[in-house]
Amino acid sequence: MHRAPFLLLLVFLLVGANDPPLVPAKIEFDGKDGKEVFRIDPEGPEAELQSGAGRKTLATYARAGDAITIELPRKDALSRVTADRKGAKYLLSGPDGKTRWRLEREPDGDWELLDAAGKEHAKLKLRDDGFKVVDAEDTERGRVKKKEDKLSLRNAAGEEILRTRDTRDELAAACFLLPGLTFPEKGGFALALIVLPPAPRE
């Protein structure tokens, strides 16, 4: 008598269980004292950007085709980062659908962050050991360096401010040093580069 609803529930649970995780494991960023500062935490087909202290959720991410959606706590409206993987371009739009930021790879391997008007706001300059981050005035804002089994994120003075051993993607890590973006927007770009990586340079 109750077989049909039970079967529907079973199908729902089986389909949900087969959803691939957005990220296979947590990506934790620690401070120079070794204490966790924030993490990208897998939650089934979604991932959460969480603060280290108290595990406060700052944003929730999900995949929608060739895009990563960004949902803030207590808000239904979604921002999104849409990936043009072949063209190595990532477009961040707000809940209103309007472009806020564009992250694009240049032929030499550098990446450029452009604002809504198409003006250069920052650049990620490719280096042998990672990336150097500069603002529109070419003033250094920080660096990401590959160091043995970790990535080291440093400020303009060269001091380590963050480190991670959970990803080797120095470009994604460098997004957390970009000036002008909100923390959830930085996480959106980082996650889009990890989940929807650009095509290799020719």
N, C-alpha and C. Protein backbone atom coordinates (compact mmCIF):
# COMPACT_ATOMS: atom_id res chain seq x y z
N MET A 1 0.83 -1.21 0.00
CA MET A 1 0.00 0.00 0.00
C MET A 1 0.85 1.25 0.00
N HIS A 2 1.98 1.19 0.70
CA HIS A 2 2.87 2.36 0.74
C HIS A 2 4.12 2.12 -0.10
N ARG A 3 4.05 1.14 -1.02
CA ARG A 3 5.24 0.77 -1.78
C ARG A 3 5.69 1.89 -2.73
N ALA A 4 4.74 2.54 -3.41
CA ALA A 4 5.09 3.56 -4.41
C ALA A 4 5.85 4.73 -3.78
N PRO A 5 5.35 5.32 -2.69
CA PRO A 5 6.12 6.41 -2.07
C PRO A 5 7.49 5.95 -1.59
N PHE A 6 7.55 4.70 -1.09
CA PHE A 6 8.84 4.19 -0.62
C PHE A 6 9.82 4.06 -1.77
N LEU A 7 9.35 3.56 -2.91
CA LEU A 7 10.23 3.40 -4.08
C LEU A 7 10.71 4.75 -4.59
N LEU A 8 9.82 5.74 -4.58
CA LEU A 8 10.22 7.08 -5.02
C LEU A 8 11.30 7.65 -4.10
N LEU A 9 11.14 7.46 -2.80
CA LEU A 9 12.14 7.93 -1.84
C LEU A 9 13.47 7.23 -2.05
N LEU A 10 13.41 5.90 -2.33
CA LEU A 10 14.63 5.13 -2.55
C LEU A 10 15.36 5.63 -3.78
N VAL A 11 14.61 5.88 -4.86
CA VAL A 11 15.23 6.41 -6.09
C VAL A 11 15.87 7.75 -5.82
N PHE A 12 15.19 8.61 -5.09
CA PHE A 12 15.72 9.94 -4.76
C PHE A 12 17.03 9.83 -3.99
N LEU A 13 17.05 8.92 -3.01
CA LEU A 13 18.26 8.76 -2.20
C LEU A 13 19.41 8.20 -3.01
N LEU A 14 19.12 7.26 -3.90
CA LEU A 14 20.17 6.66 -4.71
C LEU A 14 20.74 7.66 -5.70
N VAL A 15 19.89 8.46 -6.31
CA VAL A 15 20.37 9.49 -7.25
C VAL A 15 21.22 10.50 -6.51
N GLY A 16 20.75 10.94 -5.32
CA GLY A 16 21.52 11.91 -4.55
C GLY A 16 22.86 11.36 -4.12
N ALA A 17 22.89 10.05 -3.79
CA ALA A 17 24.13 9.43 -3.33
C ALA A 17 25.16 9.33 -4.44
N ASN A 18 24.68 9.33 -5.70
CA ASN A 18 25.60 9.20 -6.83
C ASN A 18 26.10 10.54 -7.34
N ASP A 19 25.62 11.63 -6.79
CA ASP A 19 26.10 12.94 -7.21
C ASP A 19 27.59 13.07 -6.87
N PRO A 20 28.42 13.40 -7.83
CA PRO A 20 29.85 13.53 -7.54
C PRO A 20 30.11 14.74 -6.65
N PRO A 21 31.09 14.65 -5.76
CA PRO A 21 31.41 15.82 -4.92
C PRO A 21 32.00 16.95 -5.76
N LEU A 22 31.72 18.16 -5.36
CA LEU A 22 32.26 19.31 -6.09
C LEU A 22 33.78 19.35 -5.97
N VAL A 23 34.28 19.09 -4.78
CA VAL A 23 35.71 18.92 -4.55
C VAL A 23 35.91 17.63 -3.77
N PRO A 24 36.94 16.84 -4.07
CA PRO A 24 37.08 15.53 -3.44
C PRO A 24 37.46 15.57 -1.97
N ALA A 25 38.10 16.65 -1.53
CA ALA A 25 38.54 16.75 -0.14
C ALA A 25 38.67 18.21 0.25
N LYS A 26 38.73 18.47 1.54
CA LYS A 26 38.83 19.85 2.01
C LYS A 26 40.14 20.48 1.54
N ILE A 27 40.08 21.80 1.36
CA ILE A 27 41.27 22.59 1.04
C ILE A 27 41.43 23.60 2.16
N GLU A 28 42.38 23.34 3.02
CA GLU A 28 42.55 24.15 4.24
C GLU A 28 43.71 25.13 4.07
N PHE A 29 43.50 26.36 4.48
CA PHE A 29 44.55 27.38 4.48
C PHE A 29 44.86 27.75 5.93
N ASP A 30 46.12 27.61 6.30
CA ASP A 30 46.55 27.89 7.66
C ASP A 30 47.38 29.17 7.71
N GLY A 31 47.41 29.78 8.89
CA GLY A 31 48.27 30.94 9.10
C GLY A 31 49.70 30.50 9.37
N LYS A 32 50.60 31.45 9.54
CA LYS A 32 52.01 31.10 9.77
C LYS A 32 52.21 30.40 11.10
N ASP A 33 51.22 30.51 12.00
CA ASP A 33 51.29 29.81 13.29
C ASP A 33 50.76 28.38 13.19
N GLY A 34 50.33 27.98 12.00
CA GLY A 34 49.84 26.63 11.79
C GLY A 34 48.36 26.45 12.08
N LYS A 35 47.69 27.48 12.58
CA LYS A 35 46.27 27.38 12.88
C LYS A 35 45.43 27.67 11.64
N GLU A 36 44.34 26.95 11.51
CA GLU A 36 43.49 27.12 10.34
C GLU A 36 42.85 28.50 10.31
N VAL A 37 42.90 29.13 9.13
CA VAL A 37 42.28 30.44 8.92
C VAL A 37 40.95 30.28 8.20
N PHE A 38 40.95 29.51 7.13
CA PHE A 38 39.70 29.21 6.41
C PHE A 38 39.89 27.94 5.61
N ARG A 39 38.77 27.42 5.11
CA ARG A 39 38.83 26.21 4.30
C ARG A 39 37.70 26.20 3.29
N ILE A 40 37.91 25.46 2.21
CA ILE A 40 36.85 25.10 1.28
C ILE A 40 36.49 23.67 1.63
N ASP A 41 35.26 23.46 2.12
CA ASP A 41 34.87 22.18 2.68
C ASP A 41 33.84 21.50 1.78
N PRO A 42 34.10 20.25 1.34
CA PRO A 42 33.13 19.56 0.49
C PRO A 42 31.87 19.20 1.25
N GLU A 43 30.74 19.48 0.63
CA GLU A 43 29.43 19.12 1.19
C GLU A 43 28.63 18.44 0.08
N GLY A 44 29.03 17.21 -0.28
CA GLY A 44 28.38 16.51 -1.38
C GLY A 44 28.61 17.24 -2.69
N PRO A 45 27.56 17.53 -3.45
CA PRO A 45 27.72 18.23 -4.72
C PRO A 45 27.96 19.73 -4.55
N GLU A 46 28.06 20.18 -3.32
CA GLU A 46 28.35 21.58 -3.04
C GLU A 46 29.65 21.68 -2.25
N ALA A 47 30.11 22.90 -2.05
CA ALA A 47 31.26 23.16 -1.19
C ALA A 47 31.01 24.45 -0.45
N GLU A 48 31.53 24.52 0.78
CA GLU A 48 31.34 25.71 1.59
C GLU A 48 32.67 26.39 1.87
N LEU A 49 32.67 27.70 1.82
CA LEU A 49 33.81 28.49 2.27
C LEU A 49 33.56 28.79 3.74
N GLN A 50 34.42 28.26 4.61
CA GLN A 50 34.20 28.36 6.05
C GLN A 50 35.38 29.05 6.72
N SER A 51 35.07 29.89 7.71
CA SER A 51 36.13 30.50 8.51
C SER A 51 36.70 29.46 9.45
N GLY A 52 37.97 29.62 9.81
CA GLY A 52 38.61 28.66 10.69
C GLY A 52 38.06 28.71 12.10
N ALA A 53 37.77 29.90 12.58
CA ALA A 53 37.28 30.07 13.95
C ALA A 53 35.76 29.89 13.98
N GLY A 54 35.32 28.80 14.56
CA GLY A 54 33.88 28.59 14.70
C GLY A 54 33.21 27.98 13.49
N ARG A 55 33.98 27.73 12.43
CA ARG A 55 33.42 27.12 11.23
C ARG A 55 32.20 27.87 10.71
N LYS A 56 32.29 29.17 10.67
CA LYS A 56 31.20 29.97 10.12
C LYS A 56 31.19 29.85 8.60
N THR A 57 30.03 29.56 8.03
CA THR A 57 29.91 29.46 6.57
C THR A 57 29.80 30.85 5.97
N LEU A 58 30.73 31.16 5.06
CA LEU A 58 30.78 32.47 4.43
C LEU A 58 30.12 32.47 3.06
N ALA A 59 30.13 31.31 2.40
CA ALA A 59 29.51 31.17 1.08
C ALA A 59 29.35 29.69 0.77
N THR A 60 28.37 29.37 -0.07
CA THR A 60 28.17 28.01 -0.54
C THR A 60 28.27 28.01 -2.06
N TYR A 61 29.01 27.05 -2.60
CA TYR A 61 29.24 26.98 -4.04
C TYR A 61 28.64 25.70 -4.61
N ALA A 62 28.17 25.78 -5.84
CA ALA A 62 27.64 24.60 -6.55
C ALA A 62 27.94 24.77 -8.03
N ARG A 63 27.99 23.65 -8.72
CA ARG A 63 28.23 23.71 -10.16
C ARG A 63 26.91 23.77 -10.91
N ALA A 64 26.87 24.62 -11.93
CA ALA A 64 25.70 24.73 -12.80
C ALA A 64 26.22 24.77 -14.24
N GLY A 65 26.44 23.59 -14.81
CA GLY A 65 27.02 23.53 -16.16
C GLY A 65 28.45 24.04 -16.15
N ASP A 66 28.72 25.04 -16.97
CA ASP A 66 30.06 25.63 -17.03
C ASP A 66 30.17 26.85 -16.13
N ALA A 67 29.52 26.78 -14.98
CA ALA A 67 29.56 27.89 -14.03
C ALA A 67 29.58 27.36 -12.60
N ILE A 68 30.09 28.19 -11.71
CA ILE A 68 30.04 27.94 -10.28
C ILE A 68 29.16 29.02 -9.66
N THR A 69 28.09 28.61 -8.98
CA THR A 69 27.22 29.59 -8.33
C THR A 69 27.75 29.91 -6.93
N ILE A 70 27.48 31.12 -6.51
CA ILE A 70 27.91 31.61 -5.19
C ILE A 70 26.66 32.04 -4.42
N GLU A 71 26.40 31.38 -3.31
CA GLU A 71 25.25 31.73 -2.47
C GLU A 71 25.75 32.19 -1.11
N LEU A 72 25.34 33.36 -0.71
CA LEU A 72 25.72 33.89 0.59
C LEU A 72 24.72 33.43 1.64
N PRO A 73 25.14 33.33 2.90
CA PRO A 73 24.21 32.91 3.96
C PRO A 73 22.98 33.82 4.04
N ARG A 74 21.84 33.18 4.20
CA ARG A 74 20.56 33.88 4.38
C ARG A 74 20.15 34.70 3.16
N LYS A 75 20.71 34.36 1.98
CA LYS A 75 20.31 35.05 0.76
C LYS A 75 20.03 34.02 -0.33
N ASP A 76 18.91 34.19 -1.02
CA ASP A 76 18.54 33.25 -2.08
C ASP A 76 19.18 33.62 -3.42
N ALA A 77 19.50 34.90 -3.61
CA ALA A 77 20.04 35.35 -4.88
C ALA A 77 21.46 34.79 -5.08
N LEU A 78 21.73 34.36 -6.30
CA LEU A 78 23.02 33.75 -6.61
C LEU A 78 23.87 34.62 -7.50
N SER A 79 25.15 34.74 -7.15
CA SER A 79 26.15 35.24 -8.08
C SER A 79 26.72 34.00 -8.76
N ARG A 80 27.51 34.21 -9.82
CA ARG A 80 28.11 33.04 -10.47
C ARG A 80 29.39 33.41 -11.20
N VAL A 81 30.27 32.42 -11.32
CA VAL A 81 31.48 32.55 -12.12
C VAL A 81 31.30 31.60 -13.30
N THR A 82 31.20 32.16 -14.50
CA THR A 82 31.02 31.38 -15.71
C THR A 82 32.36 31.20 -16.40
N ALA A 83 32.67 29.95 -16.75
CA ALA A 83 33.98 29.63 -17.31
C ALA A 83 33.92 29.43 -18.82
N ASP A 84 34.82 30.11 -19.51
CA ASP A 84 35.12 29.81 -20.91
C ASP A 84 36.47 29.10 -20.87
N ARG A 85 36.44 27.79 -20.72
CA ARG A 85 37.67 27.03 -20.45
C ARG A 85 38.63 27.08 -21.64
N LYS A 86 38.09 27.00 -22.84
CA LYS A 86 38.95 27.03 -24.03
C LYS A 86 39.63 28.39 -24.17
N GLY A 87 38.86 29.46 -23.89
CA GLY A 87 39.42 30.81 -24.00
C GLY A 87 40.11 31.28 -22.75
N ALA A 88 40.09 30.46 -21.68
CA ALA A 88 40.71 30.80 -20.40
C ALA A 88 40.19 32.15 -19.89
N LYS A 89 38.86 32.26 -19.85
CA LYS A 89 38.21 33.47 -19.34
C LYS A 89 37.16 33.07 -18.31
N TYR A 90 37.10 33.84 -17.22
CA TYR A 90 36.15 33.56 -16.14
C TYR A 90 35.41 34.85 -15.81
N LEU A 91 34.09 34.79 -15.94
CA LEU A 91 33.24 35.97 -15.79
C LEU A 91 32.44 35.85 -14.51
N LEU A 92 32.59 36.82 -13.60
CA LEU A 92 31.83 36.84 -12.36
C LEU A 92 30.70 37.85 -12.49
N SER A 93 29.47 37.36 -12.37
CA SER A 93 28.30 38.23 -12.45
C SER A 93 27.55 38.21 -11.14
N GLY A 94 26.86 39.29 -10.83
CA GLY A 94 26.10 39.40 -9.60
C GLY A 94 24.72 38.79 -9.75
N PRO A 95 23.92 38.83 -8.68
CA PRO A 95 22.54 38.29 -8.74
C PRO A 95 21.69 38.96 -9.82
N ASP A 96 22.06 40.19 -10.20
CA ASP A 96 21.30 40.89 -11.24
C ASP A 96 21.74 40.48 -12.65
N GLY A 97 22.73 39.59 -12.74
CA GLY A 97 23.21 39.14 -14.03
C GLY A 97 24.25 40.03 -14.66
N LYS A 98 24.54 41.16 -14.02
CA LYS A 98 25.52 42.09 -14.59
C LYS A 98 26.95 41.69 -14.21
N THR A 99 27.86 41.89 -15.15
CA THR A 99 29.26 41.54 -14.93
C THR A 99 29.88 42.43 -13.87
N ARG A 100 30.59 41.81 -12.95
CA ARG A 100 31.34 42.56 -11.94
C ARG A 100 32.85 42.47 -12.19
N TRP A 101 33.30 41.26 -12.51
CA TRP A 101 34.74 41.04 -12.71
C TRP A 101 34.96 40.03 -13.83
N ARG A 102 36.12 40.18 -14.50
CA ARG A 102 36.56 39.20 -15.48
C ARG A 102 38.00 38.83 -15.19
N LEU A 103 38.29 37.54 -15.17
CA LEU A 103 39.64 37.04 -14.98
C LEU A 103 40.04 36.32 -16.26
N GLU A 104 41.08 36.82 -16.95
CA GLU A 104 41.44 36.30 -18.26
C GLU A 104 42.94 36.01 -18.35
N ARG A 105 43.26 34.92 -19.03
CA ARG A 105 44.67 34.59 -19.24
C ARG A 105 45.19 35.29 -20.48
N GLU A 106 46.40 35.81 -20.36
CA GLU A 106 47.07 36.44 -21.49
C GLU A 106 47.99 35.43 -22.17
N PRO A 107 48.41 35.70 -23.41
CA PRO A 107 49.25 34.74 -24.15
C PRO A 107 50.53 34.33 -23.43
N ASP A 108 51.09 35.22 -22.61
CA ASP A 108 52.36 34.90 -21.93
C ASP A 108 52.16 34.10 -20.65
N GLY A 109 50.90 33.79 -20.29
CA GLY A 109 50.63 33.02 -19.09
C GLY A 109 50.24 33.85 -17.89
N ASP A 110 50.36 35.17 -17.97
CA ASP A 110 49.86 36.05 -16.92
C ASP A 110 48.33 36.05 -16.96
N TRP A 111 47.72 36.45 -15.84
CA TRP A 111 46.27 36.58 -15.77
C TRP A 111 45.92 38.01 -15.39
N GLU A 112 44.85 38.52 -15.98
CA GLU A 112 44.43 39.90 -15.77
C GLU A 112 43.04 39.93 -15.16
N LEU A 113 42.87 40.71 -14.09
CA LEU A 113 41.56 40.92 -13.49
C LEU A 113 41.02 42.26 -13.97
N LEU A 114 39.87 42.23 -14.65
CA LEU A 114 39.25 43.43 -15.20
C LEU A 114 37.95 43.73 -14.46
N ASP A 115 37.66 45.01 -14.28
CA ASP A 115 36.40 45.37 -13.62
C ASP A 115 35.25 45.38 -14.62
N ALA A 116 34.08 45.81 -14.19
CA ALA A 116 32.89 45.77 -15.04
C ALA A 116 33.04 46.64 -16.28
N ALA A 117 33.86 47.68 -16.20
CA ALA A 117 34.07 48.56 -17.34
C ALA A 117 35.18 48.07 -18.26
N GLY A 118 35.81 46.95 -17.92
CA GLY A 118 36.89 46.42 -18.74
C GLY A 118 38.25 47.02 -18.42
N LYS A 119 38.33 47.75 -17.29
CA LYS A 119 39.59 48.36 -16.89
C LYS A 119 40.39 47.38 -16.04
N GLU A 120 41.70 47.31 -16.30
CA GLU A 120 42.55 46.41 -15.53
C GLU A 120 42.59 46.83 -14.06
N HIS A 121 42.31 45.87 -13.19
CA HIS A 121 42.29 46.13 -11.75
C HIS A 121 43.48 45.48 -11.04
N ALA A 122 43.90 44.34 -11.56
CA ALA A 122 45.05 43.63 -10.97
C ALA A 122 45.57 42.63 -11.99
N LYS A 123 46.76 42.11 -11.70
CA LYS A 123 47.36 41.12 -12.60
C LYS A 123 48.05 40.06 -11.76
N LEU A 124 47.95 38.82 -12.23
CA LEU A 124 48.66 37.70 -11.65
C LEU A 124 49.79 37.35 -12.61
N LYS A 125 51.00 37.70 -12.23
CA LYS A 125 52.14 37.52 -13.12
C LYS A 125 52.79 36.16 -12.88
N LEU A 126 52.87 35.37 -13.94
CA LEU A 126 53.42 34.03 -13.84
C LEU A 126 54.92 34.07 -13.54
N ARG A 127 55.33 33.29 -12.57
CA ARG A 127 56.75 33.15 -12.22
C ARG A 127 57.09 31.66 -12.19
N ASP A 128 58.36 31.35 -12.21
CA ASP A 128 58.78 29.95 -12.21
C ASP A 128 58.28 29.19 -10.99
N ASP A 129 58.15 29.91 -9.87
CA ASP A 129 57.75 29.25 -8.62
C ASP A 129 56.33 29.61 -8.18
N GLY A 130 55.53 30.23 -9.08
CA GLY A 130 54.16 30.57 -8.70
C GLY A 130 53.65 31.81 -9.41
N PHE A 131 53.08 32.74 -8.64
CA PHE A 131 52.52 33.97 -9.20
C PHE A 131 52.86 35.17 -8.31
N LYS A 132 53.07 36.31 -8.97
CA LYS A 132 53.21 37.59 -8.29
C LYS A 132 51.94 38.39 -8.57
N VAL A 133 51.33 38.95 -7.53
CA VAL A 133 50.08 39.69 -7.66
C VAL A 133 50.37 41.18 -7.56
N VAL A 134 49.94 41.93 -8.57
CA VAL A 134 50.13 43.39 -8.58
C VAL A 134 48.79 44.06 -8.84
N ASP A 135 48.68 45.32 -8.40
CA ASP A 135 47.45 46.07 -8.66
C ASP A 135 47.57 46.84 -9.97
N ALA A 136 46.59 47.71 -10.25
CA ALA A 136 46.56 48.44 -11.52
C ALA A 136 47.75 49.37 -11.69
N GLU A 137 48.38 49.78 -10.57
CA GLU A 137 49.56 50.65 -10.64
C GLU A 137 50.85 49.84 -10.67
N ASP A 138 50.75 48.53 -10.82
CA ASP A 138 51.88 47.61 -10.85
C ASP A 138 52.60 47.53 -9.51
N THR A 139 51.88 47.87 -8.44
CA THR A 139 52.42 47.75 -7.09
C THR A 139 52.17 46.33 -6.58
N GLU A 140 53.21 45.69 -6.07
CA GLU A 140 53.06 44.32 -5.62
C GLU A 140 52.12 44.23 -4.42
N ARG A 141 51.19 43.25 -4.49
CA ARG A 141 50.25 43.02 -3.39
C ARG A 141 50.50 41.69 -2.68
N GLY A 142 51.29 40.84 -3.30
CA GLY A 142 51.60 39.55 -2.67
C GLY A 142 52.12 38.56 -3.68
N ARG A 143 52.45 37.37 -3.19
CA ARG A 143 52.96 36.29 -4.05
C ARG A 143 52.45 34.95 -3.55
N VAL A 144 52.34 34.03 -4.49
CA VAL A 144 52.12 32.62 -4.16
C VAL A 144 53.34 31.86 -4.66
N LYS A 145 53.97 31.10 -3.74
CA LYS A 145 55.17 30.36 -4.10
C LYS A 145 55.00 28.89 -3.78
N LYS A 146 55.44 28.05 -4.74
CA LYS A 146 55.50 26.62 -4.48
C LYS A 146 56.75 26.37 -3.65
N LYS A 147 56.57 25.70 -2.52
CA LYS A 147 57.69 25.45 -1.63
C LYS A 147 57.57 24.03 -1.09
N GLU A 148 58.40 23.13 -1.63
CA GLU A 148 58.36 21.71 -1.26
C GLU A 148 56.94 21.16 -1.45
N ASP A 149 56.28 20.74 -0.38
CA ASP A 149 54.97 20.12 -0.51
C ASP A 149 53.83 21.08 -0.18
N LYS A 150 54.08 22.40 -0.22
CA LYS A 150 53.03 23.34 0.14
C LYS A 150 53.05 24.54 -0.80
N LEU A 151 51.97 25.31 -0.74
CA LEU A 151 51.91 26.63 -1.37
C LEU A 151 51.98 27.66 -0.26
N SER A 152 52.83 28.66 -0.45
CA SER A 152 53.01 29.72 0.52
C SER A 152 52.47 31.03 -0.05
N LEU A 153 51.49 31.63 0.65
CA LEU A 153 50.92 32.91 0.24
C LEU A 153 51.56 34.00 1.08
N ARG A 154 52.14 35.01 0.40
CA ARG A 154 52.90 36.04 1.10
C ARG A 154 52.37 37.43 0.78
N ASN A 155 52.59 38.35 1.72
CA ASN A 155 52.18 39.73 1.50
C ASN A 155 53.25 40.47 0.71
N ALA A 156 53.04 41.77 0.51
CA ALA A 156 53.97 42.55 -0.30
C ALA A 156 55.35 42.64 0.32
N ALA A 157 55.44 42.46 1.64
CA ALA A 157 56.73 42.50 2.32
C ALA A 157 57.45 41.15 2.27
N GLY A 158 56.82 40.17 1.66
CA GLY A 158 57.44 38.85 1.56
C GLY A 158 57.19 37.95 2.74
N GLU A 159 56.32 38.37 3.67
CA GLU A 159 56.01 37.57 4.86
C GLU A 159 54.90 36.57 4.55
N GLU A 160 55.10 35.34 5.00
CA GLU A 160 54.07 34.33 4.78
C GLU A 160 52.85 34.64 5.64
N ILE A 161 51.69 34.67 5.00
CA ILE A 161 50.45 34.94 5.72
C ILE A 161 49.50 33.74 5.69
N LEU A 162 49.65 32.90 4.68
CA LEU A 162 48.83 31.69 4.56
C LEU A 162 49.65 30.57 3.94
N ARG A 163 49.24 29.35 4.20
CA ARG A 163 49.89 28.20 3.57
C ARG A 163 48.86 27.08 3.42
N THR A 164 49.07 26.24 2.42
CA THR A 164 48.21 25.08 2.25
C THR A 164 48.99 23.93 1.63
N ARG A 165 48.64 22.73 2.05
CA ARG A 165 49.18 21.52 1.46
C ARG A 165 48.09 20.72 0.75
N ASP A 166 46.89 21.29 0.68
CA ASP A 166 45.73 20.56 0.16
C ASP A 166 45.48 20.79 -1.32
N THR A 167 46.19 21.70 -1.95
CA THR A 167 46.10 21.91 -3.38
C THR A 167 47.46 22.36 -3.89
N ARG A 168 47.75 21.99 -5.14
CA ARG A 168 48.98 22.45 -5.80
C ARG A 168 48.66 23.48 -6.87
N ASP A 169 47.43 23.95 -6.87
CA ASP A 169 46.98 24.92 -7.88
C ASP A 169 47.32 26.33 -7.40
N GLU A 170 48.51 26.79 -7.80
CA GLU A 170 48.95 28.11 -7.32
C GLU A 170 48.11 29.25 -7.88
N LEU A 171 47.52 29.08 -9.07
CA LEU A 171 46.66 30.12 -9.63
C LEU A 171 45.41 30.29 -8.79
N ALA A 172 44.77 29.17 -8.43
CA ALA A 172 43.58 29.24 -7.58
C ALA A 172 43.92 29.88 -6.24
N ALA A 173 45.05 29.50 -5.66
CA ALA A 173 45.46 30.07 -4.37
C ALA A 173 45.71 31.57 -4.50
N ALA A 174 46.26 32.00 -5.64
CA ALA A 174 46.56 33.42 -5.84
C ALA A 174 45.30 34.27 -5.87
N CYS A 175 44.15 33.66 -6.18
CA CYS A 175 42.90 34.42 -6.21
C CYS A 175 42.59 35.03 -4.84
N PHE A 176 43.05 34.39 -3.77
CA PHE A 176 42.78 34.91 -2.43
C PHE A 176 43.63 36.14 -2.10
N LEU A 177 44.55 36.50 -2.99
CA LEU A 177 45.35 37.71 -2.81
C LEU A 177 44.87 38.85 -3.70
N LEU A 178 43.86 38.61 -4.51
CA LEU A 178 43.39 39.65 -5.43
C LEU A 178 42.75 40.80 -4.66
N PRO A 179 43.14 42.05 -4.96
CA PRO A 179 42.54 43.19 -4.27
C PRO A 179 41.16 43.54 -4.82
N GLY A 180 40.31 44.09 -3.96
CA GLY A 180 39.04 44.63 -4.41
C GLY A 180 37.86 43.69 -4.40
N LEU A 181 38.10 42.38 -4.35
CA LEU A 181 37.02 41.40 -4.37
C LEU A 181 36.59 41.07 -2.94
N THR A 182 35.33 40.65 -2.80
CA THR A 182 34.89 40.13 -1.51
C THR A 182 35.50 38.74 -1.33
N PHE A 183 35.52 38.26 -0.09
CA PHE A 183 36.10 36.95 0.18
C PHE A 183 35.34 35.84 -0.56
N PRO A 184 33.99 35.86 -0.55
CA PRO A 184 33.27 34.85 -1.33
C PRO A 184 33.55 34.92 -2.83
N GLU A 185 33.79 36.12 -3.36
CA GLU A 185 34.13 36.25 -4.79
C GLU A 185 35.51 35.66 -5.07
N LYS A 186 36.46 35.89 -4.18
CA LYS A 186 37.78 35.27 -4.34
C LYS A 186 37.66 33.76 -4.34
N GLY A 187 36.85 33.24 -3.40
CA GLY A 187 36.64 31.80 -3.34
C GLY A 187 35.95 31.27 -4.58
N GLY A 188 35.04 32.06 -5.14
CA GLY A 188 34.34 31.65 -6.37
C GLY A 188 35.29 31.49 -7.54
N PHE A 189 36.19 32.46 -7.71
CA PHE A 189 37.18 32.35 -8.77
C PHE A 189 38.11 31.15 -8.52
N ALA A 190 38.56 31.01 -7.29
CA ALA A 190 39.47 29.90 -6.95
C ALA A 190 38.83 28.56 -7.25
N LEU A 191 37.58 28.39 -6.82
CA LEU A 191 36.90 27.12 -7.01
C LEU A 191 36.61 26.86 -8.48
N ALA A 192 36.27 27.91 -9.22
CA ALA A 192 36.02 27.74 -10.65
C ALA A 192 37.28 27.27 -11.37
N LEU A 193 38.43 27.78 -10.99
CA LEU A 193 39.68 27.36 -11.62
C LEU A 193 40.03 25.92 -11.28
N ILE A 194 39.64 25.47 -10.09
CA ILE A 194 39.91 24.09 -9.68
C ILE A 194 38.94 23.12 -10.35
N VAL A 195 37.66 23.46 -10.32
CA VAL A 195 36.62 22.56 -10.83
C VAL A 195 36.50 22.63 -12.35
N LEU A 196 36.68 23.82 -12.90
CA LEU A 196 36.55 24.06 -14.35
C LEU A 196 37.87 24.65 -14.86
N PRO A 197 38.96 23.88 -14.84
CA PRO A 197 40.28 24.43 -15.17
C PRO A 197 40.38 24.87 -16.62
N PRO A 198 41.18 25.89 -16.88
CA PRO A 198 41.34 26.37 -18.27
C PRO A 198 42.11 25.36 -19.10
N ALA A 199 41.89 25.43 -20.40
CA ALA A 199 42.65 24.57 -21.31
C ALA A 199 44.12 24.96 -21.23
N PRO A 200 45.03 24.00 -21.41
CA PRO A 200 46.46 24.32 -21.38
C PRO A 200 46.85 25.32 -22.45
N ARG A 201 47.87 26.10 -22.15
CA ARG A 201 48.36 27.04 -23.16
C ARG A 201 48.98 26.28 -24.32
N GLU A 202 48.79 26.80 -25.52
CA GLU A 202 49.39 26.15 -26.69
C GLU A 202 50.84 26.57 -26.85
